């Protein structure tokens, strides 16, 4: 059985009392909601799969504000949940502060960074730029206008990392192609603003974009909807979003947050901590989605070109420059 909680200031103490002994793991979603059809939902799918395959139970919480991060961590730790799995980079420094107070509890953070990982913390990161490179190639090959777009969520290095990989893939196919890029905002609300996503998509379409990649959490739902309505192609992110608009979503850049959550719950108290696990193309941590909803959009030539590039990246023959390397992108000015 899965217990679902929304942590509200008025009910948190009741939902997560320190005296309630838990024998299960816990999952804390990032802002934007469990069913954002993207990052958080991928985490949920991993937990759901674990529960279905093992018969185990877990607890999960949808945060309503940034201030509730520490509260949620401490409530779960005091209640005995283990491991406590979190999503999103913003909670990483909170874990760094809280984890030493609960040395017998294991904490997991997906997407964050800590220069020194505490002994009871496991960090999981992804090579998003590698997967984004591949979908960038597909965007360039599918474009008829010679202009493609990128819409990010919150303007943070992580999302610029996505955009930089995408731009490199686009330029690898067509060095002369134009890339229009926008970020949704500078606060966490940028992850869940489909109306703004729609507005940005319309603006990019007016500039000639006929393929738009959305790396914006729930905001991306508005991008994909507008792209479908306006008769252009979109690219989803994190989860497989091809089904949202069959025949209109060129592909989705998969980020296997679901696998990370499933593996962490499976490991349980035996989870290896004190380290950062980085998942890229070689580990099937990132990739691109092909299914019945988009297979007719991808020609054999497109697939062959992307698969060749994928193998070359794995073999080290193609180096996809990381935005983190120098806080800039060689082929895209944000």
C-alpha atoms as a PDB file:
ATOM      1  CA  UNK A   1       0.000   0.000   0.000  1.00  0.00           C
ATOM      2  CA  UNK A   2       1.290   3.450  -0.862  1.00  0.00           C
ATOM      3  CA  UNK A   3       0.637   6.308   1.549  1.00  0.00           C
ATOM      4  CA  UNK A   4       0.352   9.710  -0.059  1.00  0.00           C
ATOM      5  CA  UNK A   5       0.731  12.945   1.848  1.00  0.00           C
ATOM      6  CA  UNK A   6       0.717  16.609   1.002  1.00  0.00           C
ATOM      7  CA  UNK A   7       2.765  18.371   3.587  1.00  0.00           C
ATOM      8  CA  UNK A   8       0.876  21.428   4.747  1.00  0.00           C
ATOM      9  CA  UNK A   9       1.815  23.495   7.739  1.00  0.00           C
ATOM     10  CA  UNK A  10      -1.454  22.664   9.470  1.00  0.00           C
ATOM     11  CA  UNK A  11      -1.299  18.901   8.940  1.00  0.00           C
ATOM     12  CA  UNK A  12       2.380  17.965   8.776  1.00  0.00           C
ATOM     13  CA  UNK A  13       2.609  17.089  12.449  1.00  0.00           C
ATOM     14  CA  UNK A  14      -0.354  14.743  12.143  1.00  0.00           C
ATOM     15  CA  UNK A  15       0.822  13.149   8.920  1.00  0.00           C
ATOM     16  CA  UNK A  16       4.348  12.495  10.090  1.00  0.00           C
ATOM     17  CA  UNK A  17       4.422  12.056  13.836  1.00  0.00           C
ATOM     18  CA  UNK A  18       7.757  11.214  15.337  1.00  0.00           C
ATOM     19  CA  UNK A  19       6.272   8.318  17.247  1.00  0.00           C
ATOM     20  CA  UNK A  20       5.031   6.479  14.161  1.00  0.00           C
ATOM     21  CA  UNK A  21       7.562   3.769  13.444  1.00  0.00           C
ATOM     22  CA  UNK A  22       8.009   3.285   9.723  1.00  0.00           C
ATOM     23  CA  UNK A  23       9.514   0.219   8.159  1.00  0.00           C
ATOM     24  CA  UNK A  24       9.446   1.672   4.677  1.00  0.00           C
ATOM     25  CA  UNK A  25      11.384   4.177   2.559  1.00  0.00           C
ATOM     26  CA  UNK A  26      10.163   7.706   1.962  1.00  0.00           C
ATOM     27  CA  UNK A  27      10.108   9.887  -1.134  1.00  0.00           C
ATOM     28  CA  UNK A  28      10.073  13.688  -1.115  1.00  0.00           C
ATOM     29  CA  UNK A  29       9.128  15.302  -4.434  1.00  0.00           C
ATOM     30  CA  UNK A  30      10.520  18.584  -5.645  1.00  0.00           C
ATOM     31  CA  UNK A  31       8.217  21.566  -6.102  1.00  0.00           C
ATOM     32  CA  UNK A  32       5.985  21.203  -9.133  1.00  0.00           C
ATOM     33  CA  UNK A  33       3.947  18.265  -7.929  1.00  0.00           C
ATOM     34  CA  UNK A  34       4.027  14.503  -8.125  1.00  0.00           C
ATOM     35  CA  UNK A  35       2.066  14.360 -11.367  1.00  0.00           C
ATOM     36  CA  UNK A  36       4.011  16.934 -13.376  1.00  0.00           C
ATOM     37  CA  UNK A  37       4.245  14.411 -16.249  1.00  0.00           C
ATOM     38  CA  UNK A  38       8.009  14.893 -16.133  1.00  0.00           C
ATOM     39  CA  UNK A  39      10.718  14.815 -13.434  1.00  0.00           C
ATOM     40  CA  UNK A  40       8.663  14.228 -10.286  1.00  0.00           C
ATOM     41  CA  UNK A  41       6.351  11.795 -12.012  1.00  0.00           C
ATOM     42  CA  UNK A  42       9.348   9.757 -13.108  1.00  0.00           C
ATOM     43  CA  UNK A  43      10.324   9.462  -9.438  1.00  0.00           C
ATOM     44  CA  UNK A  44       6.781   8.425  -8.559  1.00  0.00           C
ATOM     45  CA  UNK A  45       6.786   5.786 -11.289  1.00  0.00           C
ATOM     46  CA  UNK A  46       9.975   4.295  -9.874  1.00  0.00           C
ATOM     47  CA  UNK A  47       8.503   4.106  -6.384  1.00  0.00           C
ATOM     48  CA  UNK A  48       5.237   2.679  -7.693  1.00  0.00           C
ATOM     49  CA  UNK A  49       7.120   0.000  -9.614  1.00  0.00           C
ATOM     50  CA  UNK A  50       9.084  -0.914  -6.484  1.00  0.00           C
ATOM     51  CA  UNK A  51       5.906  -1.242  -4.432  1.00  0.00           C
ATOM     52  CA  UNK A  52       4.174  -3.349  -7.085  1.00  0.00           C
ATOM     53  CA  UNK A  53       7.118  -5.690  -7.592  1.00  0.00           C
ATOM     54  CA  UNK A  54       8.042  -6.151  -3.947  1.00  0.00           C
ATOM     55  CA  UNK A  55       4.748  -5.716  -2.159  1.00  0.00           C
ATOM     56  CA  UNK A  56       6.446  -3.129  -0.003  1.00  0.00           C
ATOM     57  CA  UNK A  57       5.065   0.210   1.093  1.00  0.00           C
ATOM     58  CA  UNK A  58       6.521   3.691   1.057  1.00  0.00           C
ATOM     59  CA  UNK A  59       5.525   7.192   2.023  1.00  0.00           C
ATOM     60  CA  UNK A  60       5.723  10.238  -0.192  1.00  0.00           C
ATOM     61  CA  UNK A  61       5.187  13.945   0.200  1.00  0.00           C
ATOM     62  CA  UNK A  62       4.476  16.788  -2.201  1.00  0.00           C
ATOM     63  CA  UNK A  63       6.058  19.938  -0.820  1.00  0.00           C
ATOM     64  CA  UNK A  64       4.113  23.165  -1.075  1.00  0.00           C
ATOM     65  CA  UNK A  65       6.967  25.569  -0.328  1.00  0.00           C
ATOM     66  CA  UNK A  66      10.738  25.693  -0.067  1.00  0.00           C
ATOM     67  CA  UNK A  67      10.503  26.166   3.690  1.00  0.00           C
ATOM     68  CA  UNK A  68       9.038  22.687   4.149  1.00  0.00           C
ATOM     69  CA  UNK A  69      12.099  20.810   2.904  1.00  0.00           C
ATOM     70  CA  UNK A  70      13.870  20.605   6.245  1.00  0.00           C
ATOM     71  CA  UNK A  71      10.652  19.841   8.073  1.00  0.00           C
ATOM     72  CA  UNK A  72       9.883  16.919   5.802  1.00  0.00           C
ATOM     73  CA  UNK A  73      13.386  15.472   6.122  1.00  0.00           C
ATOM     74  CA  UNK A  74      13.378  15.657   9.890  1.00  0.00           C
ATOM     75  CA  UNK A  75       9.852  14.299  10.286  1.00  0.00           C
ATOM     76  CA  UNK A  76      10.617  11.258   8.162  1.00  0.00           C
ATOM     77  CA  UNK A  77      13.975  10.646   9.841  1.00  0.00           C
ATOM     78  CA  UNK A  78      12.472  10.891  13.311  1.00  0.00           C
ATOM     79  CA  UNK A  79       9.702   8.514  12.258  1.00  0.00           C
ATOM     80  CA  UNK A  80      12.239   5.901  11.159  1.00  0.00           C
ATOM     81  CA  UNK A  81      11.879   5.988   7.376  1.00  0.00           C
ATOM     82  CA  UNK A  82      14.946   4.561   5.639  1.00  0.00           C
ATOM     83  CA  UNK A  83      16.172   5.469   3.092  1.00  0.00           C
ATOM     84  CA  UNK A  84      14.743   8.936   2.550  1.00  0.00           C
ATOM     85  CA  UNK A  85      14.867   9.732  -1.168  1.00  0.00           C
ATOM     86  CA  UNK A  86      14.637  13.301  -2.411  1.00  0.00           C
ATOM     87  CA  UNK A  87      14.376  14.855  -5.862  1.00  0.00           C
ATOM     88  CA  UNK A  88      15.724  18.177  -7.062  1.00  0.00           C
ATOM     89  CA  UNK A  89      18.951  20.072  -6.555  1.00  0.00           C
ATOM     90  CA  UNK A  90      17.462  22.619  -4.147  1.00  0.00           C
ATOM     91  CA  UNK A  91      17.142  20.162  -1.265  1.00  0.00           C
ATOM     92  CA  UNK A  92      20.796  19.054  -1.402  1.00  0.00           C
ATOM     93  CA  UNK A  93      22.153  21.735   0.981  1.00  0.00           C
ATOM     94  CA  UNK A  94      19.300  20.993   3.395  1.00  0.00           C
ATOM     95  CA  UNK A  95      20.277  17.322   3.407  1.00  0.00           C
ATOM     96  CA  UNK A  96      23.872  18.327   4.064  1.00  0.00           C
ATOM     97  CA  UNK A  97      22.680  20.112   7.190  1.00  0.00           C
ATOM     98  CA  UNK A  98      20.158  17.517   8.376  1.00  0.00           C
ATOM     99  CA  UNK A  99      21.917  14.199   7.628  1.00  0.00           C
ATOM    100  CA  UNK A 100      24.562  14.414  10.400  1.00  0.00           C
ATOM    101  CA  UNK A 101      21.769  14.607  12.974  1.00  0.00           C
ATOM    102  CA  UNK A 102      20.495  11.178  11.879  1.00  0.00           C
ATOM    103  CA  UNK A 103      23.588   8.991  11.313  1.00  0.00           C
ATOM    104  CA  UNK A 104      21.535   5.776  11.182  1.00  0.00           C
ATOM    105  CA  UNK A 105      19.321   7.092   8.383  1.00  0.00           C
ATOM    106  CA  UNK A 106      20.358   7.002   4.750  1.00  0.00           C
ATOM    107  CA  UNK A 107      19.462   9.937   2.527  1.00  0.00           C
ATOM    108  CA  UNK A 108      19.391  10.045  -1.268  1.00  0.00           C
ATOM    109  CA  UNK A 109      19.329  13.131  -3.437  1.00  0.00           C
ATOM    110  CA  UNK A 110      18.651  12.993  -7.162  1.00  0.00           C
ATOM    111  CA  UNK A 111      19.968  15.921  -9.206  1.00  0.00           C
ATOM    112  CA  UNK A 112      21.829  17.841  -6.523  1.00  0.00           C
ATOM    113  CA  UNK A 113      25.514  18.477  -5.869  1.00  0.00           C
ATOM    114  CA  UNK A 114      27.562  18.535  -2.682  1.00  0.00           C
ATOM    115  CA  UNK A 115      31.331  19.139  -2.748  1.00  0.00           C
ATOM    116  CA  UNK A 116      31.717  16.689   0.133  1.00  0.00           C
ATOM    117  CA  UNK A 117      29.108  13.944   0.402  1.00  0.00           C
ATOM    118  CA  UNK A 118      28.244  12.976   4.007  1.00  0.00           C
ATOM    119  CA  UNK A 119      28.797   9.346   4.976  1.00  0.00           C
ATOM    120  CA  UNK A 120      25.064   8.592   5.122  1.00  0.00           C
ATOM    121  CA  UNK A 121      24.116  10.394   1.898  1.00  0.00           C
ATOM    122  CA  UNK A 122      24.035   9.104  -1.684  1.00  0.00           C
ATOM    123  CA  UNK A 123      23.979  11.645  -4.506  1.00  0.00           C
ATOM    124  CA  UNK A 124      22.691  10.610  -7.946  1.00  0.00           C
ATOM    125  CA  UNK A 125      23.431  12.781 -10.970  1.00  0.00           C
ATOM    126  CA  UNK A 126      22.815  12.416 -14.687  1.00  0.00           C
ATOM    127  CA  UNK A 127      24.658  13.292 -17.875  1.00  0.00           C
ATOM    128  CA  UNK A 128      21.703  15.284 -19.186  1.00  0.00           C
ATOM    129  CA  UNK A 129      23.833  16.955 -21.836  1.00  0.00           C
ATOM    130  CA  UNK A 130      24.520  13.579 -23.479  1.00  0.00           C
ATOM    131  CA  UNK A 131      20.848  12.707 -23.888  1.00  0.00           C
ATOM    132  CA  UNK A 132      20.054  16.267 -24.921  1.00  0.00           C
ATOM    133  CA  UNK A 133      22.719  16.063 -27.632  1.00  0.00           C
ATOM    134  CA  UNK A 134      20.877  13.142 -29.213  1.00  0.00           C
ATOM    135  CA  UNK A 135      17.475  14.832 -29.218  1.00  0.00           C
ATOM    136  CA  UNK A 136      19.174  17.957 -30.574  1.00  0.00           C
ATOM    137  CA  UNK A 137      20.340  15.927 -33.535  1.00  0.00           C
ATOM    138  CA  UNK A 138      16.797  14.688 -34.093  1.00  0.00           C
ATOM    139  CA  UNK A 139      15.436  18.231 -33.856  1.00  0.00           C
ATOM    140  CA  UNK A 140      17.844  19.486 -36.515  1.00  0.00           C
ATOM    141  CA  UNK A 141      17.064  16.582 -38.839  1.00  0.00           C
ATOM    142  CA  UNK A 142      13.319  17.076 -38.416  1.00  0.00           C
ATOM    143  CA  UNK A 143      13.354  20.857 -38.886  1.00  0.00           C
ATOM    144  CA  UNK A 144      12.201  22.280 -42.210  1.00  0.00           C
ATOM    145  CA  UNK A 145      12.508  25.946 -41.231  1.00  0.00           C
ATOM    146  CA  UNK A 146      16.127  25.913 -40.129  1.00  0.00           C
ATOM    147  CA  UNK A 147      15.133  27.218 -36.681  1.00  0.00           C
ATOM    148  CA  UNK A 148      14.608  25.170 -33.525  1.00  0.00           C
ATOM    149  CA  UNK A 149      13.785  26.175 -29.969  1.00  0.00           C
ATOM    150  CA  UNK A 150      14.686  25.394 -26.377  1.00  0.00           C
ATOM    151  CA  UNK A 151      12.528  26.341 -23.394  1.00  0.00           C
ATOM    152  CA  UNK A 152      13.953  25.761 -19.946  1.00  0.00           C
ATOM    153  CA  UNK A 153      12.255  25.974 -16.575  1.00  0.00           C
ATOM    154  CA  UNK A 154      14.041  27.744 -13.740  1.00  0.00           C
ATOM    155  CA  UNK A 155      17.190  29.491 -14.960  1.00  0.00           C
ATOM    156  CA  UNK A 156      19.806  27.422 -13.144  1.00  0.00           C
ATOM    157  CA  UNK A 157      23.018  25.703 -14.306  1.00  0.00           C
ATOM    158  CA  UNK A 158      21.245  22.326 -14.471  1.00  0.00           C
ATOM    159  CA  UNK A 159      18.816  23.530 -17.137  1.00  0.00           C
ATOM    160  CA  UNK A 160      21.559  25.355 -19.030  1.00  0.00           C
ATOM    161  CA  UNK A 161      23.324  21.981 -18.988  1.00  0.00           C
ATOM    162  CA  UNK A 162      20.333  20.500 -20.858  1.00  0.00           C
ATOM    163  CA  UNK A 163      20.264  23.381 -23.330  1.00  0.00           C
ATOM    164  CA  UNK A 164      23.980  23.265 -24.002  1.00  0.00           C
ATOM    165  CA  UNK A 165      23.931  19.577 -24.895  1.00  0.00           C
ATOM    166  CA  UNK A 166      20.878  20.116 -27.087  1.00  0.00           C
ATOM    167  CA  UNK A 167      22.538  22.979 -28.965  1.00  0.00           C
ATOM    168  CA  UNK A 168      25.651  20.913 -29.621  1.00  0.00           C
ATOM    169  CA  UNK A 169      23.568  18.112 -31.099  1.00  0.00           C
ATOM    170  CA  UNK A 170      21.644  20.561 -33.267  1.00  0.00           C
ATOM    171  CA  UNK A 171      24.832  22.177 -34.569  1.00  0.00           C
ATOM    172  CA  UNK A 172      26.459  18.792 -35.217  1.00  0.00           C
ATOM    173  CA  UNK A 173      23.776  18.159 -37.828  1.00  0.00           C
ATOM    174  CA  UNK A 174      23.498  21.689 -39.221  1.00  0.00           C
ATOM    175  CA  UNK A 175      26.083  24.298 -38.167  1.00  0.00           C
ATOM    176  CA  UNK A 176      23.985  27.050 -39.749  1.00  0.00           C
ATOM    177  CA  UNK A 177      20.742  26.305 -37.939  1.00  0.00           C
ATOM    178  CA  UNK A 178      19.248  28.978 -35.680  1.00  0.00           C
ATOM    179  CA  UNK A 179      18.494  28.141 -32.039  1.00  0.00           C
ATOM    180  CA  UNK A 180      16.024  30.248 -30.072  1.00  0.00           C
ATOM    181  CA  UNK A 181      16.338  29.760 -26.304  1.00  0.00           C
ATOM    182  CA  UNK A 182      14.279  31.031 -23.372  1.00  0.00           C
ATOM    183  CA  UNK A 183      14.060  30.295 -19.657  1.00  0.00           C
ATOM    184  CA  UNK A 184      10.703  30.438 -17.913  1.00  0.00           C
ATOM    185  CA  UNK A 185      11.793  32.233 -14.757  1.00  0.00           C
ATOM    186  CA  UNK A 186      14.207  32.530 -11.856  1.00  0.00           C
ATOM    187  CA  UNK A 187      12.084  31.119  -9.026  1.00  0.00           C
ATOM    188  CA  UNK A 188      10.691  27.609  -8.362  1.00  0.00           C
ATOM    189  CA  UNK A 189       7.333  28.631  -9.854  1.00  0.00           C
ATOM    190  CA  UNK A 190       9.054  28.295 -13.236  1.00  0.00           C
ATOM    191  CA  UNK A 191       8.664  24.519 -12.936  1.00  0.00           C
ATOM    192  CA  UNK A 192       4.884  24.610 -12.942  1.00  0.00           C
ATOM    193  CA  UNK A 193       3.673  27.396 -15.232  1.00  0.00           C
ATOM    194  CA  UNK A 194       2.186  25.827 -18.373  1.00  0.00           C
ATOM    195  CA  UNK A 195       0.604  29.147 -19.371  1.00  0.00           C
ATOM    196  CA  UNK A 196       4.023  30.804 -19.514  1.00  0.00           C
ATOM    197  CA  UNK A 197       5.340  27.756 -21.340  1.00  0.00           C
ATOM    198  CA  UNK A 198       2.640  28.217 -23.954  1.00  0.00           C
ATOM    199  CA  UNK A 199       3.447  31.911 -24.323  1.00  0.00           C
ATOM    200  CA  UNK A 200       7.149  31.208 -24.817  1.00  0.00           C
ATOM    201  CA  UNK A 201       6.362  28.494 -27.366  1.00  0.00           C
ATOM    202  CA  UNK A 202       4.182  30.887 -29.377  1.00  0.00           C
ATOM    203  CA  UNK A 203       6.958  33.484 -29.292  1.00  0.00           C
ATOM    204  CA  UNK A 204       9.489  30.977 -30.590  1.00  0.00           C
ATOM    205  CA  UNK A 205       7.123  29.767 -33.288  1.00  0.00           C
ATOM    206  CA  UNK A 206       6.730  33.389 -34.415  1.00  0.00           C
ATOM    207  CA  UNK A 207      10.516  33.439 -34.854  1.00  0.00           C
ATOM    208  CA  UNK A 208      10.366  30.398 -37.115  1.00  0.00           C
ATOM    209  CA  UNK A 209      10.942  27.508 -34.736  1.00  0.00           C
ATOM    210  CA  UNK A 210       9.327  24.304 -35.943  1.00  0.00           C
ATOM    211  CA  UNK A 211      10.778  21.973 -33.265  1.00  0.00           C
ATOM    212  CA  UNK A 212      10.914  22.993 -29.582  1.00  0.00           C
ATOM    213  CA  UNK A 213      12.609  21.091 -26.753  1.00  0.00           C
ATOM    214  CA  UNK A 214      11.065  21.748 -23.337  1.00  0.00           C
ATOM    215  CA  UNK A 215      13.169  21.065 -20.231  1.00  0.00           C
ATOM    216  CA  UNK A 216      10.826  22.744 -17.802  1.00  0.00           C
ATOM    217  CA  UNK A 217       8.965  20.237 -15.632  1.00  0.00           C
ATOM    218  CA  UNK A 218       5.232  20.922 -15.528  1.00  0.00           C
ATOM    219  CA  UNK A 219       5.731  24.103 -17.551  1.00  0.00           C
ATOM    220  CA  UNK A 220       6.718  21.911 -20.469  1.00  0.00           C
ATOM    221  CA  UNK A 221       3.172  20.539 -20.651  1.00  0.00           C
ATOM    222  CA  UNK A 222       2.098  23.944 -21.954  1.00  0.00           C
ATOM    223  CA  UNK A 223       4.929  23.952 -24.466  1.00  0.00           C
ATOM    224  CA  UNK A 224       3.981  20.547 -25.836  1.00  0.00           C
ATOM    225  CA  UNK A 225       0.290  21.457 -26.004  1.00  0.00           C
ATOM    226  CA  UNK A 226       0.938  24.686 -27.907  1.00  0.00           C
ATOM    227  CA  UNK A 227       3.351  22.994 -30.295  1.00  0.00           C
ATOM    228  CA  UNK A 228       0.685  20.420 -31.119  1.00  0.00           C
ATOM    229  CA  UNK A 229      -1.986  23.087 -31.539  1.00  0.00           C
ATOM    230  CA  UNK A 230       0.237  25.156 -33.825  1.00  0.00           C
ATOM    231  CA  UNK A 231       1.254  22.203 -35.996  1.00  0.00           C
ATOM    232  CA  UNK A 232       4.938  21.984 -35.070  1.00  0.00           C
ATOM    233  CA  UNK A 233       6.937  19.309 -33.266  1.00  0.00           C
ATOM    234  CA  UNK A 234       8.025  19.280 -29.648  1.00  0.00           C
ATOM    235  CA  UNK A 235      10.478  17.252 -27.580  1.00  0.00           C
ATOM    236  CA  UNK A 236       9.584  16.076 -24.081  1.00  0.00           C
ATOM    237  CA  UNK A 237      11.889  15.572 -21.130  1.00  0.00           C
ATOM    238  CA  UNK A 238      12.659  13.265 -18.194  1.00  0.00           C
ATOM    239  CA  UNK A 239       9.617  10.980 -18.559  1.00  0.00           C
ATOM    240  CA  UNK A 240       8.436   9.633 -21.906  1.00  0.00           C
ATOM    241  CA  UNK A 241       5.969  12.329 -22.951  1.00  0.00           C
ATOM    242  CA  UNK A 242       5.361  11.043 -26.471  1.00  0.00           C
ATOM    243  CA  UNK A 243       1.874   9.873 -25.536  1.00  0.00           C
ATOM    244  CA  UNK A 244       0.697  13.349 -24.550  1.00  0.00           C
ATOM    245  CA  UNK A 245       0.321  14.316 -28.224  1.00  0.00           C
ATOM    246  CA  UNK A 246       0.791  11.254 -30.424  1.00  0.00           C
ATOM    247  CA  UNK A 247       2.408  12.098 -33.730  1.00  0.00           C
ATOM    248  CA  UNK A 248       3.299  15.607 -32.539  1.00  0.00           C
ATOM    249  CA  UNK A 249       6.065  14.887 -30.008  1.00  0.00           C
ATOM    250  CA  UNK A 250       9.211  14.071 -31.960  1.00  0.00           C
ATOM    251  CA  UNK A 251      10.769  12.242 -29.007  1.00  0.00           C
ATOM    252  CA  UNK A 252      11.454  12.679 -25.295  1.00  0.00           C
ATOM    253  CA  UNK A 253      14.837  12.963 -23.638  1.00  0.00           C
ATOM    254  CA  UNK A 254      14.677  10.233 -21.038  1.00  0.00           C
ATOM    255  CA  UNK A 255      16.292  10.777 -17.672  1.00  0.00           C
ATOM    256  CA  UNK A 256      15.892   7.585 -15.689  1.00  0.00           C
ATOM    257  CA  UNK A 257      14.896   9.091 -12.395  1.00  0.00           C
ATOM    258  CA  UNK A 258      12.473   6.179 -12.105  1.00  0.00           C
ATOM    259  CA  UNK A 259      15.328   3.687 -12.190  1.00  0.00           C
ATOM    260  CA  UNK A 260      17.304   5.685  -9.625  1.00  0.00           C
ATOM    261  CA  UNK A 261      14.366   5.676  -7.201  1.00  0.00           C
ATOM    262  CA  UNK A 262      13.596   2.003  -7.815  1.00  0.00           C
ATOM    263  CA  UNK A 263      17.212   0.996  -7.208  1.00  0.00           C
ATOM    264  CA  UNK A 264      17.503   3.097  -4.067  1.00  0.00           C
ATOM    265  CA  UNK A 265      14.352   1.590  -2.593  1.00  0.00           C
ATOM    266  CA  UNK A 266      15.485  -1.888  -3.557  1.00  0.00           C
ATOM    267  CA  UNK A 267      18.836  -1.383  -1.828  1.00  0.00           C
ATOM    268  CA  UNK A 268      17.085  -0.037   1.248  1.00  0.00           C
ATOM    269  CA  UNK A 269      19.299   0.137   4.323  1.00  0.00           C
ATOM    270  CA  UNK A 270      22.078  -1.532   2.308  1.00  0.00           C
ATOM    271  CA  UNK A 271      22.301   1.443  -0.021  1.00  0.00           C
ATOM    272  CA  UNK A 272      25.877   2.559  -0.682  1.00  0.00           C
ATOM    273  CA  UNK A 273      26.368   6.087   0.609  1.00  0.00           C
ATOM    274  CA  UNK A 274      29.110   8.680   0.887  1.00  0.00           C
ATOM    275  CA  UNK A 275      29.444   8.927  -2.868  1.00  0.00           C
ATOM    276  CA  UNK A 276      27.993  10.429  -6.048  1.00  0.00           C
ATOM    277  CA  UNK A 277      26.701   8.113  -8.767  1.00  0.00           C
ATOM    278  CA  UNK A 278      26.684   9.646 -12.249  1.00  0.00           C
ATOM    279  CA  UNK A 279      24.502   8.041 -14.922  1.00  0.00           C
ATOM    280  CA  UNK A 280      24.916   8.760 -18.623  1.00  0.00           C
ATOM    281  CA  UNK A 281      24.396   7.049 -21.966  1.00  0.00           C
ATOM    282  CA  UNK A 282      26.769   4.229 -21.077  1.00  0.00           C
ATOM    283  CA  UNK A 283      24.718   3.358 -17.981  1.00  0.00           C
ATOM    284  CA  UNK A 284      21.359   3.862 -19.760  1.00  0.00           C
ATOM    285  CA  UNK A 285      20.768   6.731 -17.356  1.00  0.00           C
ATOM    286  CA  UNK A 286      19.717   9.023 -20.220  1.00  0.00           C
ATOM    287  CA  UNK A 287      18.457   8.423 -23.737  1.00  0.00           C
ATOM    288  CA  UNK A 288      15.611   9.169 -26.125  1.00  0.00           C
ATOM    289  CA  UNK A 289      12.181   7.604 -26.428  1.00  0.00           C
ATOM    290  CA  UNK A 290      10.846   5.677 -29.403  1.00  0.00           C
ATOM    291  CA  UNK A 291       7.397   4.098 -29.235  1.00  0.00           C
ATOM    292  CA  UNK A 292       4.182   3.742 -31.209  1.00  0.00           C
ATOM    293  CA  UNK A 293       3.438   7.434 -30.692  1.00  0.00           C
ATOM    294  CA  UNK A 294       6.488   8.790 -32.523  1.00  0.00           C
ATOM    295  CA  UNK A 295       7.991   5.969 -34.573  1.00  0.00           C
ATOM    296  CA  UNK A 296       6.541   7.362 -37.793  1.00  0.00           C
ATOM    297  CA  UNK A 297       8.282  10.685 -37.169  1.00  0.00           C
ATOM    298  CA  UNK A 298      11.753   9.132 -37.107  1.00  0.00           C
ATOM    299  CA  UNK A 299      13.214   7.864 -40.365  1.00  0.00           C
ATOM    300  CA  UNK A 300      15.711   5.035 -40.498  1.00  0.00           C
ATOM    301  CA  UNK A 301      18.374   7.558 -41.423  1.00  0.00           C
ATOM    302  CA  UNK A 302      17.616   9.701 -38.382  1.00  0.00           C
ATOM    303  CA  UNK A 303      17.718   6.749 -36.024  1.00  0.00           C
ATOM    304  CA  UNK A 304      20.929   5.410 -37.548  1.00  0.00           C
ATOM    305  CA  UNK A 305      22.653   8.789 -37.215  1.00  0.00           C
ATOM    306  CA  UNK A 306      21.634   9.172 -33.581  1.00  0.00           C
ATOM    307  CA  UNK A 307      22.599   5.613 -32.673  1.00  0.00           C
ATOM    308  CA  UNK A 308      26.008   6.134 -34.273  1.00  0.00           C
ATOM    309  CA  UNK A 309      26.507   9.328 -32.285  1.00  0.00           C
ATOM    310  CA  UNK A 310      25.362   7.602 -29.111  1.00  0.00           C
ATOM    311  CA  UNK A 311      27.996   4.909 -29.483  1.00  0.00           C
ATOM    312  CA  UNK A 312      30.682   7.476 -30.277  1.00  0.00           C
ATOM    313  CA  UNK A 313      29.822   9.403 -27.125  1.00  0.00           C
ATOM    314  CA  UNK A 314      30.057   6.206 -25.085  1.00  0.00           C
ATOM    315  CA  UNK A 315      33.376   5.339 -26.732  1.00  0.00           C
ATOM    316  CA  UNK A 316      34.751   8.828 -26.168  1.00  0.00           C
ATOM    317  CA  UNK A 317      34.974   9.693 -29.867  1.00  0.00           C
ATOM    318  CA  UNK A 318      32.468  12.518 -29.415  1.00  0.00           C
ATOM    319  CA  UNK A 319      32.825  14.765 -26.394  1.00  0.00           C
ATOM    320  CA  UNK A 320      29.688  16.637 -25.446  1.00  0.00           C
ATOM    321  CA  UNK A 321      30.883  19.729 -23.624  1.00  0.00           C
ATOM    322  CA  UNK A 322      29.326  20.139 -20.182  1.00  0.00           C
ATOM    323  CA  UNK A 323      27.915  23.539 -19.250  1.00  0.00           C
ATOM    324  CA  UNK A 324      29.332  22.938 -15.766  1.00  0.00           C
ATOM    325  CA  UNK A 325      32.867  22.856 -17.163  1.00  0.00           C
ATOM    326  CA  UNK A 326      33.118  26.625 -17.510  1.00  0.00           C
ATOM    327  CA  UNK A 327      29.639  28.043 -16.796  1.00  0.00           C
ATOM    328  CA  UNK A 328      29.078  28.738 -20.475  1.00  0.00           C
ATOM    329  CA  UNK A 329      28.071  26.976 -23.647  1.00  0.00           C
ATOM    330  CA  UNK A 330      30.272  27.042 -26.758  1.00  0.00           C
ATOM    331  CA  UNK A 331      27.388  27.079 -29.221  1.00  0.00           C
ATOM    332  CA  UNK A 332      24.516  28.788 -27.415  1.00  0.00           C
ATOM    333  CA  UNK A 333      24.214  32.114 -25.622  1.00  0.00           C
ATOM    334  CA  UNK A 334      21.407  32.066 -23.083  1.00  0.00           C
END
